[in-house]
Amino acid sequence: MATKTDGRRKLGVTSSHRRALLRNMATSLFKHERIETTLAKAKELRPYAEKLITHAKKGEHFMVRRQIHDKLVYEKLFEVIAPRYAQRPGGYTRILKMTPRLGDNAKRGLIMLVS
């Protein structure tokens, strides 16, 4: 199992690298609406992405803009994704377990936005 600190997984990287990793993964998730990654990273991304969607639903542009640096993805989050979940109180993402990765047998997961 991945090592945890303060309830979060370390993912084997520094805190600044982890922050950048989550930002980039969230951007990709909102852009493609599904991404394939390791299960640990998917589980760590879930609360991060859901909080960003909640901020977008509330219209908190500053909070989202600090995390999402891609202008097209930022606009998609406010114009497409947030209105889609306007009536949903939470649970915007789903994680599906996949077969292990061939090279190192790492557990993989598919994280996607719920339709």
C-alpha atoms as a PDB file:
ATOM      1  CA  MET A   1       0.000   0.000   0.000  1.00  0.00           C
ATOM      2  CA  ALA A   2       1.163   3.537  -0.711  1.00  0.00           C
ATOM      3  CA  THR A   3       2.582   5.518   2.200  1.00  0.00           C
ATOM      4  CA  LYS A   4       0.312   8.207   3.603  1.00  0.00           C
ATOM      5  CA  THR A   5       0.963  11.536   5.284  1.00  0.00           C
ATOM      6  CA  ASP A   6      -1.890  13.569   6.768  1.00  0.00           C
ATOM      7  CA  GLY A   7      -4.388  11.273   5.093  1.00  0.00           C
ATOM      8  CA  ARG A   8      -2.784  11.718   1.677  1.00  0.00           C
ATOM      9  CA  ARG A   9      -0.673   9.362  -0.386  1.00  0.00           C
ATOM     10  CA  LYS A  10       2.918  10.432  -0.947  1.00  0.00           C
ATOM     11  CA  LEU A  11       3.056   8.764  -4.385  1.00  0.00           C
ATOM     12  CA  GLY A  12       6.839   8.597  -4.093  1.00  0.00           C
ATOM     13  CA  VAL A  13       7.385  12.246  -5.012  1.00  0.00           C
ATOM     14  CA  THR A  14       8.007  15.586  -3.281  1.00  0.00           C
ATOM     15  CA  SER A  15       5.103  17.758  -2.196  1.00  0.00           C
ATOM     16  CA  SER A  16       5.604  20.264  -5.026  1.00  0.00           C
ATOM     17  CA  HIS A  17       5.792  17.435  -7.571  1.00  0.00           C
ATOM     18  CA  ARG A  18       2.629  15.884  -6.104  1.00  0.00           C
ATOM     19  CA  ARG A  19       0.798  19.225  -6.331  1.00  0.00           C
ATOM     20  CA  ALA A  20       1.847  19.636  -9.987  1.00  0.00           C
ATOM     21  CA  LEU A  21       0.916  16.017 -10.702  1.00  0.00           C
ATOM     22  CA  LEU A  22      -2.612  16.507  -9.319  1.00  0.00           C
ATOM     23  CA  ARG A  23      -3.065  19.769 -11.241  1.00  0.00           C
ATOM     24  CA  ASN A  24      -2.011  18.144 -14.508  1.00  0.00           C
ATOM     25  CA  MET A  25      -4.102  15.032 -13.921  1.00  0.00           C
ATOM     26  CA  ALA A  26      -7.178  17.127 -13.057  1.00  0.00           C
ATOM     27  CA  THR A  27      -6.660  19.180 -16.219  1.00  0.00           C
ATOM     28  CA  SER A  28      -6.462  15.987 -18.291  1.00  0.00           C
ATOM     29  CA  LEU A  29      -9.526  14.553 -16.552  1.00  0.00           C
ATOM     30  CA  PHE A  30     -11.610  17.627 -17.352  1.00  0.00           C
ATOM     31  CA  LYS A  31     -10.258  17.786 -20.909  1.00  0.00           C
ATOM     32  CA  HIS A  32     -10.836  14.119 -21.835  1.00  0.00           C
ATOM     33  CA  GLU A  33     -13.449  13.272 -19.152  1.00  0.00           C
ATOM     34  CA  ARG A  34     -11.578  10.018 -18.395  1.00  0.00           C
ATOM     35  CA  ILE A  35      -7.977   9.068 -17.794  1.00  0.00           C
ATOM     36  CA  GLU A  36      -6.121   5.845 -17.125  1.00  0.00           C
ATOM     37  CA  THR A  37      -3.550   5.903 -14.333  1.00  0.00           C
ATOM     38  CA  THR A  38      -2.377   3.921 -11.331  1.00  0.00           C
ATOM     39  CA  LEU A  39      -5.032   3.160  -8.744  1.00  0.00           C
ATOM     40  CA  ALA A  40      -3.221   5.136  -6.025  1.00  0.00           C
ATOM     41  CA  LYS A  41      -3.041   8.242  -8.221  1.00  0.00           C
ATOM     42  CA  ALA A  42      -6.699   7.886  -9.209  1.00  0.00           C
ATOM     43  CA  LYS A  43      -7.746   7.628  -5.556  1.00  0.00           C
ATOM     44  CA  GLU A  44      -5.706  10.711  -4.723  1.00  0.00           C
ATOM     45  CA  LEU A  45      -7.095  12.647  -7.698  1.00  0.00           C
ATOM     46  CA  ARG A  46     -10.753  11.972  -6.891  1.00  0.00           C
ATOM     47  CA  PRO A  47     -11.249  14.403  -3.943  1.00  0.00           C
ATOM     48  CA  TYR A  48      -9.037  17.011  -5.634  1.00  0.00           C
ATOM     49  CA  ALA A  49     -11.092  17.002  -8.850  1.00  0.00           C
ATOM     50  CA  GLU A  50     -14.424  16.887  -7.040  1.00  0.00           C
ATOM     51  CA  LYS A  51     -13.511  19.955  -4.981  1.00  0.00           C
ATOM     52  CA  LEU A  52     -12.632  21.823  -8.180  1.00  0.00           C
ATOM     53  CA  ILE A  53     -16.020  20.926  -9.688  1.00  0.00           C
ATOM     54  CA  THR A  54     -17.759  22.110  -6.518  1.00  0.00           C
ATOM     55  CA  HIS A  55     -15.881  25.434  -6.674  1.00  0.00           C
ATOM     56  CA  ALA A  56     -16.896  25.794 -10.325  1.00  0.00           C
ATOM     57  CA  LYS A  57     -20.543  25.085  -9.449  1.00  0.00           C
ATOM     58  CA  LYS A  58     -20.404  27.878  -6.857  1.00  0.00           C
ATOM     59  CA  GLY A  59     -18.856  30.247  -9.414  1.00  0.00           C
ATOM     60  CA  GLU A  60     -15.590  30.617  -7.489  1.00  0.00           C
ATOM     61  CA  HIS A  61     -13.405  31.486 -10.467  1.00  0.00           C
ATOM     62  CA  PHE A  62     -10.340  32.465  -8.435  1.00  0.00           C
ATOM     63  CA  MET A  63     -10.200  29.140  -6.584  1.00  0.00           C
ATOM     64  CA  VAL A  64     -10.375  27.167  -9.835  1.00  0.00           C
ATOM     65  CA  ARG A  65      -8.038  29.412 -11.835  1.00  0.00           C
ATOM     66  CA  ARG A  66      -5.290  28.856  -9.242  1.00  0.00           C
ATOM     67  CA  GLN A  67      -5.338  25.149 -10.043  1.00  0.00           C
ATOM     68  CA  ILE A  68      -6.352  24.876 -13.721  1.00  0.00           C
ATOM     69  CA  HIS A  69      -3.913  26.773 -15.936  1.00  0.00           C
ATOM     70  CA  ASP A  70      -5.220  25.636 -19.339  1.00  0.00           C
ATOM     71  CA  LYS A  71      -7.664  28.294 -20.542  1.00  0.00           C
ATOM     72  CA  LEU A  72      -9.762  25.940 -22.698  1.00  0.00           C
ATOM     73  CA  VAL A  73     -10.130  23.401 -19.895  1.00  0.00           C
ATOM     74  CA  TYR A  74     -10.942  26.202 -17.426  1.00  0.00           C
ATOM     75  CA  GLU A  75     -13.719  27.446 -19.715  1.00  0.00           C
ATOM     76  CA  LYS A  76     -15.017  23.899 -20.274  1.00  0.00           C
ATOM     77  CA  LEU A  77     -15.183  23.369 -16.523  1.00  0.00           C
ATOM     78  CA  PHE A  78     -17.420  26.408 -16.040  1.00  0.00           C
ATOM     79  CA  GLU A  79     -19.470  26.195 -19.253  1.00  0.00           C
ATOM     80  CA  VAL A  80     -19.971  22.423 -19.652  1.00  0.00           C
ATOM     81  CA  ILE A  81     -18.996  20.390 -16.610  1.00  0.00           C
ATOM     82  CA  ALA A  82     -20.299  22.535 -13.721  1.00  0.00           C
ATOM     83  CA  PRO A  83     -23.786  23.015 -15.265  1.00  0.00           C
ATOM     84  CA  ARG A  84     -23.966  19.252 -15.914  1.00  0.00           C
ATOM     85  CA  TYR A  85     -23.674  18.605 -12.170  1.00  0.00           C
ATOM     86  CA  ALA A  86     -25.761  21.572 -10.977  1.00  0.00           C
ATOM     87  CA  GLN A  87     -28.376  19.343  -9.326  1.00  0.00           C
ATOM     88  CA  ARG A  88     -25.930  16.671  -8.117  1.00  0.00           C
ATOM     89  CA  PRO A  89     -24.711  17.080  -4.499  1.00  0.00           C
ATOM     90  CA  GLY A  90     -21.391  15.251  -5.057  1.00  0.00           C
ATOM     91  CA  GLY A  91     -19.907  12.080  -6.455  1.00  0.00           C
ATOM     92  CA  TYR A  92     -18.864  13.494  -9.807  1.00  0.00           C
ATOM     93  CA  THR A  93     -16.196  10.878 -10.522  1.00  0.00           C
ATOM     94  CA  ARG A  94     -16.006   7.098 -10.706  1.00  0.00           C
ATOM     95  CA  ILE A  95     -12.950   4.850 -10.427  1.00  0.00           C
ATOM     96  CA  LEU A  96     -12.932   1.499 -12.185  1.00  0.00           C
ATOM     97  CA  LYS A  97     -10.214  -1.035 -11.467  1.00  0.00           C
ATOM     98  CA  MET A  98      -8.349  -2.378 -14.485  1.00  0.00           C
ATOM     99  CA  THR A  99      -5.936  -5.216 -15.132  1.00  0.00           C
ATOM    100  CA  PRO A 100      -2.418  -4.691 -13.731  1.00  0.00           C
ATOM    101  CA  ARG A 101       0.181  -2.960 -15.876  1.00  0.00           C
ATOM    102  CA  LEU A 102       2.336  -5.420 -17.809  1.00  0.00           C
ATOM    103  CA  GLY A 103       5.771  -3.955 -17.112  1.00  0.00           C
ATOM    104  CA  ASP A 104       5.701  -3.700 -13.315  1.00  0.00           C
ATOM    105  CA  ASN A 105       2.338  -5.256 -12.372  1.00  0.00           C
ATOM    106  CA  ALA A 106       1.140  -1.943 -10.873  1.00  0.00           C
ATOM    107  CA  LYS A 107      -2.566  -1.687 -10.084  1.00  0.00           C
ATOM    108  CA  ARG A 108      -4.302   0.485 -12.675  1.00  0.00           C
ATOM    109  CA  GLY A 109      -7.528   2.422 -12.525  1.00  0.00           C
ATOM    110  CA  LEU A 110      -9.749   4.360 -14.900  1.00  0.00           C
ATOM    111  CA  ILE A 111     -11.091   7.571 -13.386  1.00  0.00           C
ATOM    112  CA  MET A 112     -13.956   9.198 -15.256  1.00  0.00           C
ATOM    113  CA  LEU A 113     -16.580  11.858 -14.837  1.00  0.00           C
ATOM    114  CA  VAL A 114     -20.022  10.423 -14.124  1.00  0.00           C
ATOM    115  CA  SER A 115     -22.497  11.169 -16.900  1.00  0.00           C
END
